[in-house]
Amino acid sequence: MEHRKLGSLSLSAIGLGCMGMTSAYGPPADSAAMIALIRSAYDLGVTHFDTAEAYGPFANESLVGEALAPIRDK
């Protein structure tokens, strides 16, 4: 996976937009399925996960945080 610099961070050139996981396109998706999706994306090299307070509020950050908790320090 190609990476790009964002300030002092190095992020994957391809990111995963997480808005639709908790809002915007109907009812929230199944949490377990979305956690599996986020972790699969990470396993494929994705390190840029797009979230915002507006997608909840805080529901999206909670979901992404739970999904990334085991790999947060990597």
PDB file of N, CA and C in Angstrom:
ATOM      1  N   MET A   1       0.855  -1.176   0.000  1.00  0.00           N
ATOM      2  CA  MET A   1       0.000   0.000   0.000  1.00  0.00           C
ATOM      3  C   MET A   1       0.898   1.235   0.000  1.00  0.00           C
ATOM      4  N   GLU A   2       0.627   2.132  -0.902  1.00  0.00           N
ATOM      5  CA  GLU A   2       1.351   3.400  -0.961  1.00  0.00           C
ATOM      6  C   GLU A   2       0.951   4.257   0.235  1.00  0.00           C
ATOM      7  N   HIS A   3       1.904   5.011   0.775  1.00  0.00           N
ATOM      8  CA  HIS A   3       1.630   5.915   1.895  1.00  0.00           C
ATOM      9  C   HIS A   3       1.958   7.348   1.504  1.00  0.00           C
ATOM     10  N   ARG A   4       1.301   8.285   2.166  1.00  0.00           N
ATOM     11  CA  ARG A   4       1.531   9.718   1.942  1.00  0.00           C
ATOM     12  C   ARG A   4       1.692  10.403   3.280  1.00  0.00           C
ATOM     13  N   LYS A   5       2.441  11.485   3.272  1.00  0.00           N
ATOM     14  CA  LYS A   5       2.656  12.266   4.485  1.00  0.00           C
ATOM     15  C   LYS A   5       1.498  13.238   4.697  1.00  0.00           C
ATOM     16  N   LEU A   6       1.010  13.296   5.901  1.00  0.00           N
ATOM     17  CA  LEU A   6       0.016  14.272   6.327  1.00  0.00           C
ATOM     18  C   LEU A   6       0.577  14.886   7.603  1.00  0.00           C
ATOM     19  N   GLY A   7       1.263  16.013   7.439  1.00  0.00           N
ATOM     20  CA  GLY A   7       1.995  16.573   8.576  1.00  0.00           C
ATOM     21  C   GLY A   7       3.094  15.608   8.975  1.00  0.00           C
ATOM     22  N   SER A   8       3.094  15.198  10.223  1.00  0.00           N
ATOM     23  CA  SER A   8       4.113  14.252  10.698  1.00  0.00           C
ATOM     24  C   SER A   8       3.652  12.801  10.575  1.00  0.00           C
ATOM     25  N   LEU A   9       2.432  12.592  10.087  1.00  0.00           N
ATOM     26  CA  LEU A   9       1.892  11.240   9.961  1.00  0.00           C
ATOM     27  C   LEU A   9       2.157  10.662   8.586  1.00  0.00           C
ATOM     28  N   SER A  10       2.260   9.360   8.514  1.00  0.00           N
ATOM     29  CA  SER A  10       2.326   8.648   7.255  1.00  0.00           C
ATOM     30  C   SER A  10       1.065   7.790   7.175  1.00  0.00           C
ATOM     31  N   LEU A  11       0.196   8.102   6.212  1.00  0.00           N
ATOM     32  CA  LEU A  11      -1.084   7.419   6.087  1.00  0.00           C
ATOM     33  C   LEU A  11      -1.184   6.708   4.748  1.00  0.00           C
ATOM     34  N   SER A  12      -2.015   5.675   4.717  1.00  0.00           N
ATOM     35  CA  SER A  12      -2.244   4.968   3.457  1.00  0.00           C
ATOM     36  C   SER A  12      -2.868   5.924   2.444  1.00  0.00           C
ATOM     37  N   ALA A  13      -2.484   5.764   1.191  1.00  0.00           N
ATOM     38  CA  ALA A  13      -3.014   6.622   0.132  1.00  0.00           C
ATOM     39  C   ALA A  13      -4.507   6.382  -0.064  1.00  0.00           C
ATOM     40  N   ILE A  14      -4.972   5.196   0.271  1.00  0.00           N
ATOM     41  CA  ILE A  14      -6.393   4.864   0.215  1.00  0.00           C
ATOM     42  C   ILE A  14      -6.924   4.832   1.639  1.00  0.00           C
ATOM     43  N   GLY A  15      -8.018   5.543   1.860  1.00  0.00           N
ATOM     44  CA  GLY A  15      -8.625   5.567   3.184  1.00  0.00           C
ATOM     45  C   GLY A  15      -9.985   4.892   3.168  1.00  0.00           C
ATOM     46  N   LEU A  16     -10.531   4.694   4.350  1.00  0.00           N
ATOM     47  CA  LEU A  16     -11.871   4.117   4.485  1.00  0.00           C
ATOM     48  C   LEU A  16     -12.780   5.162   5.115  1.00  0.00           C
ATOM     49  N   GLY A  17     -13.781   5.594   4.372  1.00  0.00           N
ATOM     50  CA  GLY A  17     -14.775   6.524   4.889  1.00  0.00           C
ATOM     51  C   GLY A  17     -15.769   5.762   5.754  1.00  0.00           C
ATOM     52  N   CYS A  18     -15.948   6.200   6.984  1.00  0.00           N
ATOM     53  CA  CYS A  18     -16.752   5.448   7.947  1.00  0.00           C
ATOM     54  C   CYS A  18     -18.131   6.049   8.214  1.00  0.00           C
ATOM     55  N   MET A  19     -18.496   7.142   7.550  1.00  0.00           N
ATOM     56  CA  MET A  19     -19.748   7.832   7.813  1.00  0.00           C
ATOM     57  C   MET A  19     -20.956   6.903   7.715  1.00  0.00           C
ATOM     58  N   GLY A  20     -21.051   6.144   6.661  1.00  0.00           N
ATOM     59  CA  GLY A  20     -22.210   5.297   6.436  1.00  0.00           C
ATOM     60  C   GLY A  20     -22.359   4.153   7.414  1.00  0.00           C
ATOM     61  N   MET A  21     -21.366   3.950   8.252  1.00  0.00           N
ATOM     62  CA  MET A  21     -21.437   2.856   9.222  1.00  0.00           C
ATOM     63  C   MET A  21     -22.384   3.156  10.382  1.00  0.00           C
ATOM     64  N   THR A  22     -22.562   4.447  10.681  1.00  0.00           N
ATOM     65  CA  THR A  22     -23.413   4.812  11.819  1.00  0.00           C
ATOM     66  C   THR A  22     -24.494   5.814  11.471  1.00  0.00           C
ATOM     67  N   SER A  23     -24.443   6.414  10.285  1.00  0.00           N
ATOM     68  CA  SER A  23     -25.431   7.436   9.947  1.00  0.00           C
ATOM     69  C   SER A  23     -25.459   7.698   8.451  1.00  0.00           C
ATOM     70  N   ALA A  24     -26.335   8.592   8.063  1.00  0.00           N
ATOM     71  CA  ALA A  24     -26.399   9.181   6.726  1.00  0.00           C
ATOM     72  C   ALA A  24     -27.116   8.348   5.673  1.00  0.00           C
ATOM     73  N   TYR A  25     -26.977   7.057   5.662  1.00  0.00           N
ATOM     74  CA  TYR A  25     -27.564   6.242   4.599  1.00  0.00           C
ATOM     75  C   TYR A  25     -28.574   5.244   5.161  1.00  0.00           C
ATOM     76  N   GLY A  26     -29.380   5.687   6.118  1.00  0.00           N
ATOM     77  CA  GLY A  26     -30.346   4.799   6.739  1.00  0.00           C
ATOM     78  C   GLY A  26     -29.916   4.441   8.148  1.00  0.00           C
ATOM     79  N   PRO A  27     -30.503   3.396   8.697  1.00  0.00           N
ATOM     80  CA  PRO A  27     -30.156   3.011  10.070  1.00  0.00           C
ATOM     81  C   PRO A  27     -28.706   2.551  10.165  1.00  0.00           C
ATOM     82  N   PRO A  28     -28.125   2.640  11.362  1.00  0.00           N
ATOM     83  CA  PRO A  28     -26.737   2.195  11.534  1.00  0.00           C
ATOM     84  C   PRO A  28     -26.559   0.742  11.100  1.00  0.00           C
ATOM     85  N   ALA A  29     -25.415   0.471  10.518  1.00  0.00           N
ATOM     86  CA  ALA A  29     -25.092  -0.895  10.106  1.00  0.00           C
ATOM     87  C   ALA A  29     -24.764  -1.734  11.345  1.00  0.00           C
ATOM     88  N   ASP A  30     -24.748  -3.033  11.169  1.00  0.00           N
ATOM     89  CA  ASP A  30     -24.410  -3.950  12.256  1.00  0.00           C
ATOM     90  C   ASP A  30     -22.996  -3.663  12.758  1.00  0.00           C
ATOM     91  N   SER A  31     -22.874  -3.384  14.041  1.00  0.00           N
ATOM     92  CA  SER A  31     -21.569  -3.005  14.623  1.00  0.00           C
ATOM     93  C   SER A  31     -20.510  -4.079  14.426  1.00  0.00           C
ATOM     94  N   ALA A  32     -20.866  -5.325  14.668  1.00  0.00           N
ATOM     95  CA  ALA A  32     -19.889  -6.407  14.525  1.00  0.00           C
ATOM     96  C   ALA A  32     -19.382  -6.504  13.089  1.00  0.00           C
ATOM     97  N   ALA A  33     -20.266  -6.324  12.125  1.00  0.00           N
ATOM     98  CA  ALA A  33     -19.863  -6.378  10.719  1.00  0.00           C
ATOM     99  C   ALA A  33     -18.964  -5.200  10.363  1.00  0.00           C
ATOM    100  N   MET A  34     -19.266  -4.020  10.901  1.00  0.00           N
ATOM    101  CA  MET A  34     -18.452  -2.841  10.600  1.00  0.00           C
ATOM    102  C   MET A  34     -17.079  -2.933  11.268  1.00  0.00           C
ATOM    103  N   ILE A  35     -17.026  -3.483  12.468  1.00  0.00           N
ATOM    104  CA  ILE A  35     -15.737  -3.697  13.133  1.00  0.00           C
ATOM    105  C   ILE A  35     -14.890  -4.670  12.320  1.00  0.00           C
ATOM    106  N   ALA A  36     -15.510  -5.728  11.831  1.00  0.00           N
ATOM    107  CA  ALA A  36     -14.793  -6.686  10.985  1.00  0.00           C
ATOM    108  C   ALA A  36     -14.301  -6.022   9.701  1.00  0.00           C
ATOM    109  N   LEU A  37     -15.120  -5.147   9.121  1.00  0.00           N
ATOM    110  CA  LEU A  37     -14.731  -4.431   7.901  1.00  0.00           C
ATOM    111  C   LEU A  37     -13.529  -3.518   8.154  1.00  0.00           C
ATOM    112  N   ILE A  38     -13.565  -2.765   9.242  1.00  0.00           N
ATOM    113  CA  ILE A  38     -12.461  -1.864   9.580  1.00  0.00           C
ATOM    114  C   ILE A  38     -11.181  -2.652   9.800  1.00  0.00           C
ATOM    115  N   ARG A  39     -11.268  -3.748  10.522  1.00  0.00           N
ATOM    116  CA  ARG A  39     -10.075  -4.572  10.788  1.00  0.00           C
ATOM    117  C   ARG A  39      -9.561  -5.228   9.514  1.00  0.00           C
ATOM    118  N   SER A  40     -10.454  -5.625   8.626  1.00  0.00           N
ATOM    119  CA  SER A  40     -10.025  -6.191   7.341  1.00  0.00           C
ATOM    120  C   SER A  40      -9.312  -5.144   6.496  1.00  0.00           C
ATOM    121  N   ALA A  41      -9.852  -3.926   6.507  1.00  0.00           N
ATOM    122  CA  ALA A  41      -9.194  -2.837   5.773  1.00  0.00           C
ATOM    123  C   ALA A  41      -7.785  -2.614   6.314  1.00  0.00           C
ATOM    124  N   TYR A  42      -7.641  -2.619   7.631  1.00  0.00           N
ATOM    125  CA  TYR A  42      -6.314  -2.455   8.234  1.00  0.00           C
ATOM    126  C   TYR A  42      -5.380  -3.593   7.789  1.00  0.00           C
ATOM    127  N   ASP A  43      -5.889  -4.810   7.801  1.00  0.00           N
ATOM    128  CA  ASP A  43      -5.081  -5.957   7.384  1.00  0.00           C
ATOM    129  C   ASP A  43      -4.617  -5.822   5.934  1.00  0.00           C
ATOM    130  N   LEU A  44      -5.386  -5.095   5.128  1.00  0.00           N
ATOM    131  CA  LEU A  44      -5.017  -4.864   3.725  1.00  0.00           C
ATOM    132  C   LEU A  44      -4.118  -3.647   3.538  1.00  0.00           C
ATOM    133  N   GLY A  45      -3.801  -2.949   4.647  1.00  0.00           N
ATOM    134  CA  GLY A  45      -2.870  -1.831   4.573  1.00  0.00           C
ATOM    135  C   GLY A  45      -3.472  -0.458   4.763  1.00  0.00           C
ATOM    136  N   VAL A  46      -4.782  -0.371   4.959  1.00  0.00           N
ATOM    137  CA  VAL A  46      -5.419   0.926   5.170  1.00  0.00           C
ATOM    138  C   VAL A  46      -5.104   1.424   6.579  1.00  0.00           C
ATOM    139  N   THR A  47      -4.610   2.660   6.666  1.00  0.00           N
ATOM    140  CA  THR A  47      -4.321   3.266   7.969  1.00  0.00           C
ATOM    141  C   THR A  47      -5.006   4.618   8.131  1.00  0.00           C
ATOM    142  N   HIS A  48      -5.824   5.009   7.148  1.00  0.00           N
ATOM    143  CA  HIS A  48      -6.544   6.287   7.195  1.00  0.00           C
ATOM    144  C   HIS A  48      -8.041   5.975   7.282  1.00  0.00           C
ATOM    145  N   PHE A  49      -8.628   6.239   8.432  1.00  0.00           N
ATOM    146  CA  PHE A  49     -10.047   5.988   8.668  1.00  0.00           C
ATOM    147  C   PHE A  49     -10.721   7.330   8.905  1.00  0.00           C
ATOM    148  N   ASP A  50     -11.624   7.695   8.001  1.00  0.00           N
ATOM    149  CA  ASP A  50     -12.275   9.006   8.048  1.00  0.00           C
ATOM    150  C   ASP A  50     -13.530   8.942   8.911  1.00  0.00           C
ATOM    151  N   THR A  51     -13.560   9.758   9.956  1.00  0.00           N
ATOM    152  CA  THR A  51     -14.707   9.845  10.852  1.00  0.00           C
ATOM    153  C   THR A  51     -14.877  11.293  11.274  1.00  0.00           C
ATOM    154  N   ALA A  52     -16.039  11.606  11.838  1.00  0.00           N
ATOM    155  CA  ALA A  52     -16.300  12.967  12.318  1.00  0.00           C
ATOM    156  C   ALA A  52     -17.389  12.927  13.381  1.00  0.00           C
ATOM    157  N   GLU A  53     -17.331  13.881  14.274  1.00  0.00           N
ATOM    158  CA  GLU A  53     -18.333  13.991  15.337  1.00  0.00           C
ATOM    159  C   GLU A  53     -19.744  14.079  14.763  1.00  0.00           C
ATOM    160  N   ALA A  54     -19.877  14.673  13.606  1.00  0.00           N
ATOM    161  CA  ALA A  54     -21.192  14.857  12.987  1.00  0.00           C
ATOM    162  C   ALA A  54     -21.869  13.533  12.628  1.00  0.00           C
ATOM    163  N   TYR A  55     -21.119  12.446  12.556  1.00  0.00           N
ATOM    164  CA  TYR A  55     -21.682  11.151  12.191  1.00  0.00           C
ATOM    165  C   TYR A  55     -22.197  10.423  13.428  1.00  0.00           C
ATOM    166  N   GLY A  56     -22.942  11.076  14.260  1.00  0.00           N
ATOM    167  CA  GLY A  56     -23.385  10.377  15.459  1.00  0.00           C
ATOM    168  C   GLY A  56     -24.311  11.178  16.333  1.00  0.00           C
ATOM    169  N   PRO A  57     -23.897  12.053  17.160  1.00  0.00           N
ATOM    170  CA  PRO A  57     -22.514  12.424  17.469  1.00  0.00           C
ATOM    171  C   PRO A  57     -21.807  11.362  18.312  1.00  0.00           C
ATOM    172  N   PHE A  58     -20.568  11.208  18.068  1.00  0.00           N
ATOM    173  CA  PHE A  58     -19.645  10.312  18.764  1.00  0.00           C
ATOM    174  C   PHE A  58     -19.869   8.834  18.491  1.00  0.00           C
ATOM    175  N   ALA A  59     -20.961   8.447  17.863  1.00  0.00           N
ATOM    176  CA  ALA A  59     -21.212   7.032  17.576  1.00  0.00           C
ATOM    177  C   ALA A  59     -20.155   6.489  16.617  1.00  0.00           C
ATOM    178  N   ASN A  60     -19.789   7.280  15.623  1.00  0.00           N
ATOM    179  CA  ASN A  60     -18.815   6.830  14.642  1.00  0.00           C
ATOM    180  C   ASN A  60     -17.436   6.690  15.263  1.00  0.00           C
ATOM    181  N   GLU A  61     -17.034   7.671  16.067  1.00  0.00           N
ATOM    182  CA  GLU A  61     -15.739   7.585  16.737  1.00  0.00           C
ATOM    183  C   GLU A  61     -15.677   6.397  17.676  1.00  0.00           C
ATOM    184  N   SER A  62     -16.770   6.108  18.353  1.00  0.00           N
ATOM    185  CA  SER A  62     -16.813   4.957  19.264  1.00  0.00           C
ATOM    186  C   SER A  62     -16.635   3.653  18.492  1.00  0.00           C
ATOM    187  N   LEU A  63     -17.318   3.538  17.366  1.00  0.00           N
ATOM    188  CA  LEU A  63     -17.214   2.338  16.542  1.00  0.00           C
ATOM    189  C   LEU A  63     -15.792   2.161  16.016  1.00  0.00           C
ATOM    190  N   VAL A  64     -15.237   3.214  15.436  1.00  0.00           N
ATOM    191  CA  VAL A  64     -13.882   3.141  14.890  1.00  0.00           C
ATOM    192  C   VAL A  64     -12.873   2.879  16.009  1.00  0.00           C
ATOM    193  N   GLY A  65     -13.060   3.527  17.151  1.00  0.00           N
ATOM    194  CA  GLY A  65     -12.172   3.301  18.295  1.00  0.00           C
ATOM    195  C   GLY A  65     -12.201   1.866  18.775  1.00  0.00           C
ATOM    196  N   GLU A  66     -13.400   1.292  18.850  1.00  0.00           N
ATOM    197  CA  GLU A  66     -13.522  -0.110  19.267  1.00  0.00           C
ATOM    198  C   GLU A  66     -12.839  -1.036  18.266  1.00  0.00           C
ATOM    199  N   ALA A  67     -13.034  -0.761  16.991  1.00  0.00           N
ATOM    200  CA  ALA A  67     -12.437  -1.600  15.953  1.00  0.00           C
ATOM    201  C   ALA A  67     -10.915  -1.534  15.970  1.00  0.00           C
ATOM    202  N   LEU A  68     -10.373  -0.355  16.229  1.00  0.00           N
ATOM    203  CA  LEU A  68      -8.922  -0.170  16.168  1.00  0.00           C
ATOM    204  C   LEU A  68      -8.217  -0.374  17.511  1.00  0.00           C
ATOM    205  N   ALA A  69      -8.966  -0.597  18.581  1.00  0.00           N
ATOM    206  CA  ALA A  69      -8.354  -0.738  19.912  1.00  0.00           C
ATOM    207  C   ALA A  69      -7.212  -1.767  19.939  1.00  0.00           C
ATOM    208  N   PRO A  70      -7.362  -2.937  19.339  1.00  0.00           N
ATOM    209  CA  PRO A  70      -6.279  -3.922  19.416  1.00  0.00           C
ATOM    210  C   PRO A  70      -5.017  -3.520  18.640  1.00  0.00           C
ATOM    211  N   ILE A  71      -5.140  -2.578  17.715  1.00  0.00           N
ATOM    212  CA  ILE A  71      -3.991  -2.203  16.873  1.00  0.00           C
ATOM    213  C   ILE A  71      -3.644  -0.730  16.998  1.00  0.00           C
ATOM    214  N   ARG A  72      -4.215  -0.068  17.958  1.00  0.00           N
ATOM    215  CA  ARG A  72      -4.074   1.387  18.109  1.00  0.00           C
ATOM    216  C   ARG A  72      -2.624   1.857  18.156  1.00  0.00           C
ATOM    217  N   ASP A  73      -1.744   1.092  18.744  1.00  0.00           N
ATOM    218  CA  ASP A  73      -0.362   1.520  18.903  1.00  0.00           C
ATOM    219  C   ASP A  73       0.536   1.161  17.713  1.00  0.00           C
ATOM    220  N   LYS A  74      -0.023   0.598  16.678  1.00  0.00           N
ATOM    221  CA  LYS A  74       0.785   0.193  15.514  1.00  0.00           C
ATOM    222  C   LYS A  74       0.848   1.303  14.478  1.00  0.00           C
TER     223      LYS A  74
END
